[in-house]
C-alpha cells in the first residue's frame, strides 16, 4: 500500500510505500518518519498513488506549495 503526504520540510507532495518506516522527500531530501506524516490519501498500487498526486495538484492549481519561511538576502 502507498500513501500520499506533504513533506514536513518543504511542503511538497510525496508518495511513500507503507512497507517502509521512513521516506526521503524527492524534492528536498528531508527524511521523514511515515508515522508522523499527515496522510492526504492512500492507494493500493503505485499507479493509483500517482493518479492521486496528479488529482491533488490539479485541485491546487499551479501553486503546489508555499514555503514556510521567507528567503532573505545576506
Protein backbone atom coordinates (compact mmCIF):
# COMPACT_ATOMS: atom_id res chain seq x y z
CA UNK A 1 0.00 0.00 0.00
CA UNK A 2 1.11 3.55 -0.73
CA UNK A 3 0.33 6.83 0.93
CA UNK A 4 0.46 10.42 -0.28
CA UNK A 5 1.53 13.12 2.16
CA UNK A 6 3.22 16.51 2.33
CA UNK A 7 6.88 16.81 3.21
CA UNK A 8 7.14 18.40 6.66
CA UNK A 9 10.17 20.39 5.48
CA UNK A 10 9.28 21.81 2.05
CA UNK A 11 5.54 21.15 1.95
CA UNK A 12 5.51 19.44 -1.45
CA UNK A 13 3.63 16.22 -2.18
CA UNK A 14 5.40 12.91 -1.85
CA UNK A 15 4.47 9.25 -2.12
CA UNK A 16 5.65 6.55 0.26
CA UNK A 17 5.41 2.77 0.44
CA UNK A 18 3.86 1.79 3.79
CA UNK A 19 6.23 -1.21 3.98
CA UNK A 20 8.94 1.32 4.95
CA UNK A 21 9.24 3.33 8.16
CA UNK A 22 10.77 6.46 6.63
CA UNK A 23 10.80 8.27 3.29
CA UNK A 24 13.19 10.84 1.85
CA UNK A 25 11.46 13.71 0.09
CA UNK A 26 12.33 13.65 -3.65
CA UNK A 27 12.32 17.47 -3.69
CA UNK A 28 14.40 18.49 -0.65
CA UNK A 29 15.85 15.13 0.55
CA UNK A 30 14.40 15.58 4.06
CA UNK A 31 13.89 12.16 5.69
CA UNK A 32 10.55 11.86 7.47
CA UNK A 33 9.01 9.08 9.55
CA UNK A 34 5.78 7.86 7.98
CA UNK A 35 4.07 7.62 11.37
CA UNK A 36 4.30 11.38 11.87
CA UNK A 37 3.05 12.45 8.43
CA UNK A 38 -0.43 13.82 7.74
CA UNK A 39 -1.78 11.42 5.14
CA UNK A 40 -3.69 13.03 2.27
CA UNK A 41 -4.62 9.74 0.60
CA UNK A 42 -3.93 6.03 0.30
CA UNK A 43 -3.62 3.76 -2.74
CA UNK A 44 -3.16 0.06 -3.32
CA UNK A 45 -0.91 0.43 -6.35
CA UNK A 46 1.76 2.89 -7.40
CA UNK A 47 -0.33 3.85 -10.44
CA UNK A 48 -3.25 4.81 -8.16
CA UNK A 49 -0.88 6.84 -5.96
CA UNK A 50 0.48 8.74 -8.98
CA UNK A 51 -3.08 9.45 -10.14
CA UNK A 52 -3.93 10.71 -6.64
CA UNK A 53 -0.94 13.07 -6.66
CA UNK A 54 -1.95 14.38 -10.09
CA UNK A 55 -5.51 14.93 -8.85
CA UNK A 56 -4.28 16.83 -5.77
CA UNK A 57 -2.04 19.01 -7.94
CA UNK A 58 -4.96 19.84 -10.25
CA UNK A 59 -7.13 20.84 -7.28
CA UNK A 60 -4.42 23.17 -6.00
CA UNK A 61 -3.70 24.77 -9.36
CA UNK A 62 -0.15 25.79 -10.25
CA UNK A 63 0.74 26.89 -6.70
CA UNK A 64 1.55 23.45 -5.34
CA UNK A 65 3.17 24.66 -2.16
CA UNK A 66 4.15 27.75 -0.26
CA UNK A 67 7.43 27.98 1.62
CA UNK A 68 7.19 28.12 5.40
CA UNK A 69 9.80 30.84 5.63
CA UNK A 70 10.88 33.79 3.55
CA UNK A 71 14.23 33.69 1.86
CA UNK A 72 16.42 36.66 2.61
CA UNK A 73 19.47 38.21 1.01
CA UNK A 74 22.65 38.27 3.02
